[in-house]
Amino acid sequence: MADINNPVDSNYLREEELSQAIEMLFFAYRDFTREPYNMLAKIDLGHAHHRAIYFVGRNSGTTVTELLAILKITKQSLARVLSQLVREGYFLQNTSAEDRRKRLLKLTQKGIELERELTANQRKRIATACKTAGLEAVTCFKNVLQGIMDDGDRWRFETRVKKSNRATIRRGI
């Protein structure tokens, strides 16, 4: 993966270009989340539920503390979200065998199905955009996203991104 600190042509760093990039992120995020949020609203869940479902699906067996670190929300907010997801049968919450103070989170089959429904359109959007943009642009896009992230979260993608770039090359995207 390219170094995110490499200098860029100064034309991309002009005020108008930066403002346009911010605006594009807003529109992209709005459109990227519209369908899942509409689906969730029909079952009385919101965007915090969506993020919890997604990240527990990606990290089955994660602890409540780890999920708090990912979502960066208060314990009280997460407690409300988790209690609803457990009550409605989307999550299982078990005590860790190694440390009884830790609660491990896992999606139920109902939760797995909901996560798949919520991300199906998002996966299609990303796949279509990546195929259209090409490999070099996809690699650049991932570098830009990592550059936007706080330093404390970049480690999560260091090996994943390298592996996915190799997989992308093999598939010819």
N, C-alpha and C. Protein backbone atom coordinates (compact mmCIF):
# COMPACT_ATOMS: atom_id res chain seq x y z
N MET A 1 0.83 -1.18 0.00
CA MET A 1 0.00 0.00 0.00
C MET A 1 0.88 1.24 0.00
N ALA A 2 0.48 2.22 -0.73
CA ALA A 2 1.27 3.44 -0.83
C ALA A 2 1.27 4.19 0.49
N ASP A 3 2.31 4.94 0.69
CA ASP A 3 2.44 5.76 1.90
C ASP A 3 1.42 6.89 1.83
N ILE A 4 0.58 7.01 2.85
CA ILE A 4 -0.46 8.05 2.83
C ILE A 4 0.12 9.44 3.04
N ASN A 5 1.40 9.52 3.37
CA ASN A 5 2.03 10.82 3.58
C ASN A 5 2.76 11.33 2.35
N ASN A 6 2.67 10.63 1.23
CA ASN A 6 3.32 11.09 0.00
C ASN A 6 2.73 12.42 -0.43
N PRO A 7 3.58 13.31 -0.95
CA PRO A 7 3.04 14.60 -1.41
C PRO A 7 2.13 14.41 -2.62
N VAL A 8 1.15 15.28 -2.70
CA VAL A 8 0.17 15.23 -3.80
C VAL A 8 0.28 16.54 -4.57
N ASP A 9 -0.06 16.47 -5.84
CA ASP A 9 -0.11 17.67 -6.67
C ASP A 9 -0.92 18.73 -5.94
N SER A 10 -0.39 19.93 -5.84
CA SER A 10 -1.04 20.99 -5.06
C SER A 10 -2.40 21.38 -5.61
N ASN A 11 -2.72 21.04 -6.86
CA ASN A 11 -4.05 21.34 -7.41
C ASN A 11 -5.15 20.62 -6.63
N TYR A 12 -4.82 19.44 -6.07
CA TYR A 12 -5.80 18.69 -5.32
C TYR A 12 -6.01 19.23 -3.91
N LEU A 13 -5.13 20.12 -3.49
CA LEU A 13 -5.21 20.63 -2.13
C LEU A 13 -5.76 22.06 -2.07
N ARG A 14 -6.22 22.56 -3.18
CA ARG A 14 -6.82 23.90 -3.19
C ARG A 14 -8.16 23.86 -2.45
N GLU A 15 -8.55 25.00 -1.95
CA GLU A 15 -9.78 25.12 -1.16
C GLU A 15 -11.00 24.52 -1.86
N GLU A 16 -11.18 24.84 -3.13
CA GLU A 16 -12.35 24.35 -3.86
C GLU A 16 -12.32 22.83 -4.00
N GLU A 17 -11.16 22.27 -4.29
CA GLU A 17 -11.04 20.81 -4.42
C GLU A 17 -11.33 20.12 -3.08
N LEU A 18 -10.83 20.69 -2.00
CA LEU A 18 -11.08 20.11 -0.67
C LEU A 18 -12.56 20.21 -0.31
N SER A 19 -13.17 21.35 -0.59
CA SER A 19 -14.60 21.52 -0.31
C SER A 19 -15.43 20.55 -1.14
N GLN A 20 -15.05 20.37 -2.39
CA GLN A 20 -15.77 19.44 -3.25
C GLN A 20 -15.63 18.00 -2.74
N ALA A 21 -14.46 17.63 -2.27
CA ALA A 21 -14.25 16.29 -1.72
C ALA A 21 -15.12 16.07 -0.49
N ILE A 22 -15.21 17.06 0.37
CA ILE A 22 -16.07 16.97 1.56
C ILE A 22 -17.52 16.78 1.14
N GLU A 23 -17.95 17.58 0.19
CA GLU A 23 -19.32 17.49 -0.30
C GLU A 23 -19.61 16.12 -0.91
N MET A 24 -18.66 15.61 -1.68
CA MET A 24 -18.83 14.30 -2.30
C MET A 24 -18.93 13.20 -1.23
N LEU A 25 -18.15 13.32 -0.16
CA LEU A 25 -18.25 12.35 0.93
C LEU A 25 -19.64 12.37 1.56
N PHE A 26 -20.19 13.57 1.77
CA PHE A 26 -21.54 13.66 2.33
C PHE A 26 -22.57 12.99 1.44
N PHE A 27 -22.53 13.30 0.14
CA PHE A 27 -23.49 12.70 -0.79
C PHE A 27 -23.30 11.19 -0.90
N ALA A 28 -22.05 10.75 -0.97
CA ALA A 28 -21.78 9.32 -1.06
C ALA A 28 -22.29 8.59 0.18
N TYR A 29 -22.02 9.15 1.36
CA TYR A 29 -22.47 8.52 2.59
C TYR A 29 -24.00 8.49 2.66
N ARG A 30 -24.63 9.58 2.28
CA ARG A 30 -26.10 9.63 2.29
C ARG A 30 -26.68 8.53 1.41
N ASP A 31 -26.15 8.40 0.21
CA ASP A 31 -26.68 7.41 -0.72
C ASP A 31 -26.28 5.99 -0.33
N PHE A 32 -25.11 5.85 0.23
CA PHE A 32 -24.61 4.55 0.67
C PHE A 32 -25.44 3.97 1.82
N THR A 33 -25.95 4.85 2.68
CA THR A 33 -26.70 4.39 3.86
C THR A 33 -28.22 4.48 3.72
N ARG A 34 -28.70 5.10 2.66
CA ARG A 34 -30.15 5.33 2.52
C ARG A 34 -30.95 4.03 2.58
N GLU A 35 -30.61 3.07 1.77
CA GLU A 35 -31.39 1.83 1.72
C GLU A 35 -31.35 1.07 3.06
N PRO A 36 -30.16 0.86 3.65
CA PRO A 36 -30.16 0.17 4.95
C PRO A 36 -30.96 0.93 6.02
N TYR A 37 -30.84 2.25 6.05
CA TYR A 37 -31.56 3.02 7.06
C TYR A 37 -33.07 2.93 6.85
N ASN A 38 -33.52 2.91 5.60
CA ASN A 38 -34.94 2.74 5.31
C ASN A 38 -35.42 1.37 5.77
N MET A 39 -34.61 0.34 5.53
CA MET A 39 -34.96 -1.01 5.96
C MET A 39 -35.04 -1.07 7.49
N LEU A 40 -34.09 -0.45 8.16
CA LEU A 40 -34.06 -0.47 9.62
C LEU A 40 -35.24 0.30 10.23
N ALA A 41 -35.60 1.41 9.60
CA ALA A 41 -36.72 2.21 10.12
C ALA A 41 -38.01 1.39 10.15
N LYS A 42 -38.17 0.50 9.19
CA LYS A 42 -39.37 -0.34 9.14
C LYS A 42 -39.46 -1.32 10.31
N ILE A 43 -38.32 -1.61 10.93
CA ILE A 43 -38.33 -2.54 12.08
C ILE A 43 -37.90 -1.83 13.37
N ASP A 44 -38.05 -0.52 13.38
CA ASP A 44 -37.76 0.32 14.55
C ASP A 44 -36.32 0.27 15.03
N LEU A 45 -35.38 0.21 14.10
CA LEU A 45 -33.96 0.27 14.43
C LEU A 45 -33.37 1.46 13.68
N GLY A 46 -32.21 1.94 14.16
CA GLY A 46 -31.59 3.11 13.55
C GLY A 46 -30.15 2.88 13.15
N HIS A 47 -29.45 3.99 12.89
CA HIS A 47 -28.09 3.86 12.38
C HIS A 47 -27.12 3.27 13.39
N ALA A 48 -27.32 3.50 14.68
CA ALA A 48 -26.44 2.89 15.69
C ALA A 48 -26.61 1.37 15.68
N HIS A 49 -27.83 0.91 15.48
CA HIS A 49 -28.09 -0.53 15.36
C HIS A 49 -27.38 -1.11 14.14
N HIS A 50 -27.44 -0.35 13.04
CA HIS A 50 -26.81 -0.79 11.79
C HIS A 50 -25.31 -0.99 11.99
N ARG A 51 -24.67 -0.02 12.61
CA ARG A 51 -23.22 -0.13 12.82
C ARG A 51 -22.89 -1.28 13.76
N ALA A 52 -23.67 -1.44 14.81
CA ALA A 52 -23.42 -2.55 15.75
C ALA A 52 -23.59 -3.89 15.04
N ILE A 53 -24.66 -4.03 14.27
CA ILE A 53 -24.90 -5.28 13.53
C ILE A 53 -23.76 -5.55 12.57
N TYR A 54 -23.34 -4.53 11.85
CA TYR A 54 -22.26 -4.72 10.88
C TYR A 54 -20.96 -5.15 11.56
N PHE A 55 -20.55 -4.44 12.59
CA PHE A 55 -19.25 -4.72 13.19
C PHE A 55 -19.24 -6.00 14.01
N VAL A 56 -20.34 -6.36 14.61
CA VAL A 56 -20.39 -7.66 15.29
C VAL A 56 -20.38 -8.77 14.25
N GLY A 57 -21.04 -8.54 13.13
CA GLY A 57 -21.00 -9.52 12.04
C GLY A 57 -19.59 -9.71 11.51
N ARG A 58 -18.83 -8.64 11.42
CA ARG A 58 -17.45 -8.71 10.93
C ARG A 58 -16.49 -9.25 11.98
N ASN A 59 -16.85 -9.12 13.25
CA ASN A 59 -15.96 -9.49 14.35
C ASN A 59 -16.73 -10.31 15.37
N SER A 60 -17.23 -11.46 14.96
CA SER A 60 -18.01 -12.31 15.84
C SER A 60 -17.22 -12.66 17.10
N GLY A 61 -17.85 -12.55 18.23
CA GLY A 61 -17.18 -12.83 19.50
C GLY A 61 -16.48 -11.61 20.08
N THR A 62 -16.69 -10.45 19.45
CA THR A 62 -16.09 -9.22 19.97
C THR A 62 -16.68 -8.90 21.33
N THR A 63 -15.93 -8.20 22.14
CA THR A 63 -16.43 -7.81 23.45
C THR A 63 -17.16 -6.48 23.34
N VAL A 64 -17.94 -6.18 24.36
CA VAL A 64 -18.64 -4.90 24.41
C VAL A 64 -17.61 -3.77 24.41
N THR A 65 -16.53 -3.94 25.13
CA THR A 65 -15.47 -2.92 25.19
C THR A 65 -14.86 -2.68 23.81
N GLU A 66 -14.60 -3.75 23.07
CA GLU A 66 -14.05 -3.61 21.71
C GLU A 66 -15.05 -2.91 20.80
N LEU A 67 -16.32 -3.23 20.93
CA LEU A 67 -17.34 -2.58 20.10
C LEU A 67 -17.44 -1.10 20.45
N LEU A 68 -17.32 -0.76 21.72
CA LEU A 68 -17.31 0.64 22.14
C LEU A 68 -16.14 1.39 21.48
N ALA A 69 -14.99 0.74 21.40
CA ALA A 69 -13.81 1.37 20.80
C ALA A 69 -14.02 1.59 19.30
N ILE A 70 -14.70 0.68 18.65
CA ILE A 70 -14.97 0.83 17.21
C ILE A 70 -15.99 1.93 16.96
N LEU A 71 -17.10 1.88 17.68
CA LEU A 71 -18.22 2.79 17.42
C LEU A 71 -18.01 4.19 18.01
N LYS A 72 -17.19 4.27 19.05
CA LYS A 72 -16.93 5.55 19.73
C LYS A 72 -18.23 6.23 20.16
N ILE A 73 -19.06 5.46 20.83
CA ILE A 73 -20.28 5.99 21.44
C ILE A 73 -20.22 5.71 22.93
N THR A 74 -21.13 6.29 23.69
CA THR A 74 -21.11 6.09 25.13
C THR A 74 -21.60 4.69 25.50
N LYS A 75 -21.20 4.24 26.68
CA LYS A 75 -21.66 2.94 27.18
C LYS A 75 -23.18 2.92 27.27
N GLN A 76 -23.75 4.04 27.71
CA GLN A 76 -25.20 4.13 27.86
C GLN A 76 -25.90 3.96 26.51
N SER A 77 -25.39 4.62 25.49
CA SER A 77 -25.98 4.51 24.15
C SER A 77 -25.86 3.08 23.63
N LEU A 78 -24.69 2.49 23.80
CA LEU A 78 -24.49 1.12 23.33
C LEU A 78 -25.36 0.15 24.10
N ALA A 79 -25.52 0.38 25.38
CA ALA A 79 -26.36 -0.51 26.20
C ALA A 79 -27.79 -0.54 25.67
N ARG A 80 -28.32 0.61 25.30
CA ARG A 80 -29.68 0.68 24.74
C ARG A 80 -29.76 -0.11 23.44
N VAL A 81 -28.77 0.10 22.58
CA VAL A 81 -28.74 -0.58 21.28
C VAL A 81 -28.63 -2.09 21.48
N LEU A 82 -27.69 -2.52 22.32
CA LEU A 82 -27.47 -3.95 22.54
C LEU A 82 -28.68 -4.62 23.17
N SER A 83 -29.27 -3.97 24.15
CA SER A 83 -30.42 -4.60 24.82
C SER A 83 -31.56 -4.81 23.83
N GLN A 84 -31.78 -3.86 22.93
CA GLN A 84 -32.83 -4.02 21.93
C GLN A 84 -32.48 -5.14 20.95
N LEU A 85 -31.23 -5.19 20.50
CA LEU A 85 -30.82 -6.21 19.54
C LEU A 85 -30.85 -7.61 20.15
N VAL A 86 -30.52 -7.73 21.42
CA VAL A 86 -30.61 -9.01 22.11
C VAL A 86 -32.07 -9.39 22.31
N ARG A 87 -32.88 -8.45 22.80
CA ARG A 87 -34.30 -8.68 23.06
C ARG A 87 -35.05 -9.11 21.80
N GLU A 88 -34.68 -8.52 20.65
CA GLU A 88 -35.38 -8.82 19.41
C GLU A 88 -34.76 -9.99 18.65
N GLY A 89 -33.75 -10.62 19.24
CA GLY A 89 -33.21 -11.86 18.67
C GLY A 89 -32.17 -11.71 17.58
N TYR A 90 -31.53 -10.53 17.47
CA TYR A 90 -30.49 -10.32 16.47
C TYR A 90 -29.09 -10.66 17.00
N PHE A 91 -28.91 -10.52 18.31
CA PHE A 91 -27.61 -10.74 18.95
C PHE A 91 -27.71 -11.79 20.04
N LEU A 92 -26.62 -12.49 20.24
CA LEU A 92 -26.41 -13.31 21.43
C LEU A 92 -25.33 -12.61 22.23
N GLN A 93 -25.48 -12.63 23.53
CA GLN A 93 -24.49 -12.02 24.41
C GLN A 93 -24.10 -13.07 25.44
N ASN A 94 -22.86 -13.54 25.38
CA ASN A 94 -22.39 -14.58 26.29
C ASN A 94 -21.24 -14.06 27.13
N THR A 95 -21.02 -14.71 28.25
CA THR A 95 -19.90 -14.36 29.12
C THR A 95 -18.66 -15.12 28.64
N SER A 96 -17.53 -14.44 28.62
CA SER A 96 -16.27 -15.06 28.21
C SER A 96 -15.86 -16.13 29.21
N ALA A 97 -15.38 -17.26 28.71
CA ALA A 97 -14.89 -18.34 29.58
C ALA A 97 -13.60 -17.92 30.29
N GLU A 98 -12.76 -17.09 29.63
CA GLU A 98 -11.49 -16.66 30.21
C GLU A 98 -11.66 -15.55 31.24
N ASP A 99 -12.61 -14.67 31.02
CA ASP A 99 -12.82 -13.54 31.91
C ASP A 99 -14.32 -13.28 32.01
N ARG A 100 -14.90 -13.66 33.11
CA ARG A 100 -16.35 -13.59 33.28
C ARG A 100 -16.89 -12.16 33.25
N ARG A 101 -16.00 -11.17 33.34
CA ARG A 101 -16.45 -9.78 33.27
C ARG A 101 -16.72 -9.36 31.83
N LYS A 102 -16.16 -10.09 30.87
CA LYS A 102 -16.32 -9.73 29.45
C LYS A 102 -17.56 -10.38 28.87
N ARG A 103 -18.30 -9.54 28.13
CA ARG A 103 -19.47 -10.04 27.41
C ARG A 103 -19.13 -10.12 25.93
N LEU A 104 -19.29 -11.30 25.37
CA LEU A 104 -18.97 -11.54 23.96
C LEU A 104 -20.24 -11.43 23.12
N LEU A 105 -20.13 -10.76 22.01
CA LEU A 105 -21.28 -10.51 21.15
C LEU A 105 -21.18 -11.32 19.86
N LYS A 106 -22.31 -11.83 19.43
CA LYS A 106 -22.38 -12.65 18.23
C LYS A 106 -23.75 -12.45 17.60
N LEU A 107 -23.80 -12.47 16.28
CA LEU A 107 -25.10 -12.39 15.59
C LEU A 107 -25.79 -13.75 15.65
N THR A 108 -27.10 -13.72 15.82
CA THR A 108 -27.90 -14.93 15.68
C THR A 108 -28.13 -15.14 14.18
N GLN A 109 -28.78 -16.21 13.81
CA GLN A 109 -29.11 -16.42 12.40
C GLN A 109 -29.97 -15.28 11.88
N LYS A 110 -30.90 -14.82 12.70
CA LYS A 110 -31.74 -13.67 12.34
C LYS A 110 -30.88 -12.43 12.11
N GLY A 111 -29.87 -12.24 12.96
CA GLY A 111 -28.96 -11.11 12.82
C GLY A 111 -28.10 -11.22 11.58
N ILE A 112 -27.64 -12.43 11.28
CA ILE A 112 -26.82 -12.66 10.07
C ILE A 112 -27.64 -12.32 8.83
N GLU A 113 -28.88 -12.76 8.80
CA GLU A 113 -29.75 -12.48 7.65
C GLU A 113 -30.01 -10.99 7.49
N LEU A 114 -30.23 -10.29 8.61
CA LEU A 114 -30.45 -8.85 8.55
C LEU A 114 -29.19 -8.14 8.06
N GLU A 115 -28.04 -8.54 8.57
CA GLU A 115 -26.78 -7.91 8.15
C GLU A 115 -26.59 -8.08 6.65
N ARG A 116 -26.88 -9.26 6.14
CA ARG A 116 -26.74 -9.51 4.69
C ARG A 116 -27.68 -8.63 3.89
N GLU A 117 -28.91 -8.50 4.35
CA GLU A 117 -29.88 -7.65 3.66
C GLU A 117 -29.43 -6.19 3.67
N LEU A 118 -28.94 -5.74 4.82
CA LEU A 118 -28.53 -4.35 4.97
C LEU A 118 -27.33 -4.00 4.10
N THR A 119 -26.42 -4.94 3.92
CA THR A 119 -25.20 -4.63 3.17
C THR A 119 -25.24 -5.06 1.71
N ALA A 120 -26.26 -5.75 1.29
CA ALA A 120 -26.31 -6.23 -0.10
C ALA A 120 -26.18 -5.08 -1.09
N ASN A 121 -26.98 -4.05 -0.93
CA ASN A 121 -26.92 -2.91 -1.85
C ASN A 121 -25.59 -2.16 -1.71
N GLN A 122 -25.08 -2.08 -0.50
CA GLN A 122 -23.80 -1.40 -0.28
C GLN A 122 -22.66 -2.14 -0.97
N ARG A 123 -22.68 -3.46 -0.89
CA ARG A 123 -21.65 -4.25 -1.57
C ARG A 123 -21.72 -4.04 -3.09
N LYS A 124 -22.95 -4.01 -3.62
CA LYS A 124 -23.12 -3.78 -5.06
C LYS A 124 -22.59 -2.41 -5.47
N ARG A 125 -22.92 -1.40 -4.67
CA ARG A 125 -22.46 -0.04 -4.97
C ARG A 125 -20.93 0.03 -5.00
N ILE A 126 -20.30 -0.57 -4.01
CA ILE A 126 -18.84 -0.53 -3.93
C ILE A 126 -18.23 -1.34 -5.08
N ALA A 127 -18.77 -2.51 -5.35
CA ALA A 127 -18.25 -3.35 -6.44
C ALA A 127 -18.36 -2.62 -7.77
N THR A 128 -19.49 -2.00 -8.03
CA THR A 128 -19.69 -1.28 -9.29
C THR A 128 -18.72 -0.11 -9.39
N ALA A 129 -18.60 0.65 -8.33
CA ALA A 129 -17.69 1.80 -8.34
C ALA A 129 -16.24 1.36 -8.55
N CYS A 130 -15.84 0.28 -7.90
CA CYS A 130 -14.46 -0.22 -8.03
C CYS A 130 -14.19 -0.74 -9.44
N LYS A 131 -15.13 -1.46 -9.99
CA LYS A 131 -14.94 -1.97 -11.36
C LYS A 131 -14.83 -0.82 -12.35
N THR A 132 -15.63 0.21 -12.15
CA THR A 132 -15.62 1.37 -13.03
C THR A 132 -14.31 2.15 -12.89
N ALA A 133 -13.85 2.31 -11.65
CA ALA A 133 -12.66 3.13 -11.38
C ALA A 133 -11.36 2.44 -11.77
N GLY A 134 -11.29 1.13 -11.59
CA GLY A 134 -10.06 0.41 -11.90
C GLY A 134 -9.17 0.24 -10.68
N LEU A 135 -8.22 -0.67 -10.81
CA LEU A 135 -7.36 -1.06 -9.69
C LEU A 135 -6.58 0.08 -9.08
N GLU A 136 -5.95 0.90 -9.89
CA GLU A 136 -5.14 2.00 -9.36
C GLU A 136 -6.00 2.96 -8.54
N ALA A 137 -7.18 3.27 -9.05
CA ALA A 137 -8.08 4.19 -8.34
C ALA A 137 -8.57 3.57 -7.04
N VAL A 138 -8.85 2.26 -7.05
CA VAL A 138 -9.31 1.58 -5.84
C VAL A 138 -8.23 1.62 -4.77
N THR A 139 -7.00 1.36 -5.16
CA THR A 139 -5.88 1.41 -4.22
C THR A 139 -5.74 2.82 -3.66
N CYS A 140 -5.83 3.81 -4.53
CA CYS A 140 -5.75 5.21 -4.11
C CYS A 140 -6.89 5.55 -3.15
N PHE A 141 -8.09 5.11 -3.48
CA PHE A 141 -9.27 5.38 -2.65
C PHE A 141 -9.08 4.81 -1.24
N LYS A 142 -8.58 3.58 -1.16
CA LYS A 142 -8.33 2.97 0.15
C LYS A 142 -7.28 3.76 0.92
N ASN A 143 -6.26 4.23 0.23
CA ASN A 143 -5.24 5.05 0.89
C ASN A 143 -5.83 6.36 1.42
N VAL A 144 -6.70 6.98 0.62
CA VAL A 144 -7.33 8.22 1.04
C VAL A 144 -8.21 7.97 2.27
N LEU A 145 -9.01 6.90 2.24
CA LEU A 145 -9.86 6.60 3.40
C LEU A 145 -9.02 6.38 4.65
N GLN A 146 -7.91 5.64 4.51
CA GLN A 146 -7.04 5.45 5.67
C GLN A 146 -6.44 6.76 6.14
N GLY A 147 -6.13 7.63 5.20
CA GLY A 147 -5.58 8.93 5.57
C GLY A 147 -6.57 9.80 6.32
N ILE A 148 -7.86 9.63 6.06
CA ILE A 148 -8.90 10.39 6.74
C ILE A 148 -9.12 9.87 8.16
N MET A 149 -8.92 8.56 8.35
CA MET A 149 -9.15 7.93 9.66
C MET A 149 -8.19 8.46 10.72
N ASP A 150 -8.64 8.40 11.96
CA ASP A 150 -7.74 8.68 13.08
C ASP A 150 -6.64 7.62 13.11
N ASP A 151 -5.46 8.01 13.56
CA ASP A 151 -4.32 7.10 13.63
C ASP A 151 -4.67 5.81 14.37
N GLY A 152 -5.47 5.90 15.41
CA GLY A 152 -5.78 4.75 16.25
C GLY A 152 -6.54 3.63 15.58
N ASP A 153 -7.10 3.87 14.40
CA ASP A 153 -7.87 2.84 13.72
C ASP A 153 -7.20 2.28 12.46
N ARG A 154 -6.13 2.88 12.03
CA ARG A 154 -5.48 2.44 10.78
C ARG A 154 -4.97 1.01 10.87
N TRP A 155 -4.51 0.61 12.04
CA TRP A 155 -3.95 -0.74 12.21
C TRP A 155 -4.96 -1.81 11.82
N ARG A 156 -6.23 -1.52 11.93
CA ARG A 156 -7.26 -2.51 11.61
C ARG A 156 -7.22 -2.96 10.15
N PHE A 157 -6.63 -2.15 9.30
CA PHE A 157 -6.68 -2.41 7.86
C PHE A 157 -5.33 -2.71 7.24
N GLU A 158 -4.28 -2.62 7.98
CA GLU A 158 -2.94 -2.78 7.40
C GLU A 158 -2.80 -4.09 6.65
N THR A 159 -3.11 -5.23 7.26
CA THR A 159 -2.96 -6.49 6.54
C THR A 159 -4.17 -6.77 5.66
N ARG A 160 -5.36 -6.38 6.10
CA ARG A 160 -6.56 -6.62 5.30
C ARG A 160 -6.48 -5.93 3.95
N VAL A 161 -6.05 -4.67 3.93
CA VAL A 161 -5.99 -3.92 2.69
C VAL A 161 -4.96 -4.53 1.75
N LYS A 162 -3.82 -4.92 2.28
CA LYS A 162 -2.80 -5.54 1.43
C LYS A 162 -3.34 -6.83 0.82
N LYS A 163 -4.02 -7.65 1.63
CA LYS A 163 -4.59 -8.90 1.11
C LYS A 163 -5.66 -8.61 0.08
N SER A 164 -6.54 -7.64 0.35
CA SER A 164 -7.63 -7.36 -0.59
C SER A 164 -7.09 -6.76 -1.88
N ASN A 165 -6.01 -5.97 -1.82
CA ASN A 165 -5.41 -5.45 -3.05
C ASN A 165 -4.87 -6.59 -3.90
N ARG A 166 -4.25 -7.58 -3.27
CA ARG A 166 -3.76 -8.74 -4.03
C ARG A 166 -4.93 -9.51 -4.62
N ALA A 167 -6.02 -9.67 -3.86
CA ALA A 167 -7.19 -10.38 -4.37
C ALA A 167 -7.82 -9.61 -5.53
N THR A 168 -7.84 -8.29 -5.42
CA THR A 168 -8.38 -7.45 -6.49
C THR A 168 -7.57 -7.62 -7.76
N ILE A 169 -6.25 -7.67 -7.62
CA ILE A 169 -5.39 -7.86 -8.78
C ILE A 169 -5.70 -9.21 -9.44
N ARG A 170 -5.87 -10.26 -8.63
CA ARG A 170 -6.15 -11.58 -9.17
C ARG A 170 -7.49 -11.61 -9.90
N ARG A 171 -8.50 -10.87 -9.40
CA ARG A 171 -9.82 -10.88 -10.03
C ARG A 171 -9.87 -9.93 -11.23
N GLY A 172 -8.88 -9.06 -11.35
CA GLY A 172 -8.83 -8.16 -12.47
C GLY A 172 -9.78 -6.99 -12.39
N ILE A 173 -10.10 -6.55 -11.16
CA ILE A 173 -10.98 -5.38 -11.00
C ILE A 173 -10.18 -4.13 -11.28
